[in-house]
Protein backbone atom coordinates (compact mmCIF):
# COMPACT_ATOMS: atom_id res chain seq x y z
CA UNK A 1 0.00 0.00 0.00
CA UNK A 2 1.42 3.39 -0.89
CA UNK A 3 1.24 6.38 1.40
CA UNK A 4 0.58 9.94 0.32
CA UNK A 5 2.70 12.58 2.05
CA UNK A 6 1.52 16.18 1.84
CA UNK A 7 3.80 18.99 2.96
CA UNK A 8 2.25 22.44 3.32
CA UNK A 9 3.62 25.37 5.31
CA UNK A 10 6.00 23.18 7.26
CA UNK A 11 3.24 20.77 8.34
CA UNK A 12 3.38 17.14 7.26
CA UNK A 13 0.11 15.30 6.78
CA UNK A 14 -0.07 11.58 6.07
CA UNK A 15 -3.01 10.04 4.29
CA UNK A 16 -3.60 6.61 2.84
CA UNK A 17 -4.94 6.70 -0.75
CA UNK A 18 -8.54 5.67 -1.20
CA UNK A 19 -8.97 2.18 -2.61
CA UNK A 20 -12.07 0.49 -4.01
CA UNK A 21 -13.89 -1.97 -1.76
CA UNK A 22 -12.48 -5.52 -2.15
CA UNK A 23 -15.81 -6.88 -3.37
CA UNK A 24 -16.02 -4.44 -6.29
CA UNK A 25 -12.40 -5.11 -7.25
CA UNK A 26 -12.95 -8.88 -7.26
CA UNK A 27 -16.08 -8.51 -9.41
CA UNK A 28 -14.25 -6.29 -11.91
CA UNK A 29 -11.35 -8.74 -12.19
CA UNK A 30 -13.75 -11.65 -12.71
CA UNK A 31 -15.44 -9.82 -15.61
CA UNK A 32 -12.24 -9.36 -17.67
CA UNK A 33 -10.94 -12.39 -19.57
CA UNK A 34 -7.25 -13.35 -19.72
CA UNK A 35 -6.02 -12.63 -23.26
CA UNK A 36 -2.37 -13.70 -22.95
CA UNK A 37 -2.88 -17.23 -24.36
CA UNK A 38 -4.92 -15.91 -27.28
CA UNK A 39 -2.28 -13.28 -28.08
CA UNK A 40 0.53 -15.86 -27.93
CA UNK A 41 -1.33 -18.17 -30.31
CA UNK A 42 -2.04 -15.37 -32.80
CA UNK A 43 1.59 -14.21 -32.72
CA UNK A 44 2.82 -17.77 -33.37
CA UNK A 45 0.44 -18.21 -36.33
CA UNK A 46 1.03 -14.81 -37.95
CA UNK A 47 4.70 -14.25 -37.00
CA UNK A 48 3.70 -10.63 -36.42
CA UNK A 49 4.49 -7.98 -33.81
CA UNK A 50 2.05 -7.32 -31.02
CA UNK A 51 0.64 -3.78 -31.04
CA UNK A 52 -2.06 -4.06 -28.38
CA UNK A 53 -4.34 -6.32 -26.37
CA UNK A 54 -7.76 -5.15 -25.22
CA UNK A 55 -9.62 -7.47 -22.84
CA UNK A 56 -13.41 -7.29 -22.79
CA UNK A 57 -15.90 -9.20 -20.64
CA UNK A 58 -16.72 -11.66 -23.44
CA UNK A 59 -13.74 -11.51 -25.83
CA UNK A 60 -10.20 -10.29 -26.48
CA UNK A 61 -9.17 -7.85 -29.18
CA UNK A 62 -5.58 -8.42 -30.30
CA UNK A 63 -3.93 -6.00 -32.76
CA UNK A 64 -0.89 -7.32 -34.66
CA UNK A 65 1.47 -5.76 -37.19
CA UNK A 66 2.32 -8.27 -39.93
CA UNK A 67 5.34 -7.63 -42.14
CA UNK A 68 5.84 -9.41 -45.47
CA UNK A 69 9.05 -9.10 -47.45
CA UNK A 70 8.88 -6.28 -49.99
CA UNK A 71 5.51 -5.02 -48.73
CA UNK A 72 4.28 -2.43 -46.26
CA UNK A 73 3.38 -3.82 -42.85
CA UNK A 74 -0.31 -4.56 -42.37
CA UNK A 75 -2.26 -3.99 -39.17
CA UNK A 76 -4.61 -6.89 -38.43
CA UNK A 77 -7.24 -6.89 -35.70
CA UNK A 78 -8.25 -10.26 -34.23
CA UNK A 79 -11.32 -10.67 -32.05
CA UNK A 80 -11.06 -13.86 -30.02
CA UNK A 81 -13.85 -15.41 -28.01
CA UNK A 82 -12.43 -17.46 -25.11
CA UNK A 83 -15.53 -19.69 -25.17
CA UNK A 84 -15.01 -20.95 -28.72
CA UNK A 85 -11.26 -20.23 -29.02
CA UNK A 86 -11.78 -19.00 -32.58
CA UNK A 87 -9.87 -15.99 -33.85
CA UNK A 88 -11.26 -13.87 -36.65
CA UNK A 89 -9.12 -11.25 -38.44
CA UNK A 90 -10.90 -7.98 -39.27
């Protein structure tokens, strides 16, 4: 836990930062899916560079930069549903 120190006019005040209630934090973490396995699989298949991962409650959005020899790199967006484990480029 970090501690906030406030110095004003020679007076030191200590205050602990506000944190969300543990129940709300646990619910929020349970609603976001883990996208690391999906991103690893997409990177292995495409041999691309990872640009971003966006977790959503029901899917992962993985953005990859794919470079082909002699061509400009292409940005591909994959939406992966963890339920079906299918990735669809868009």
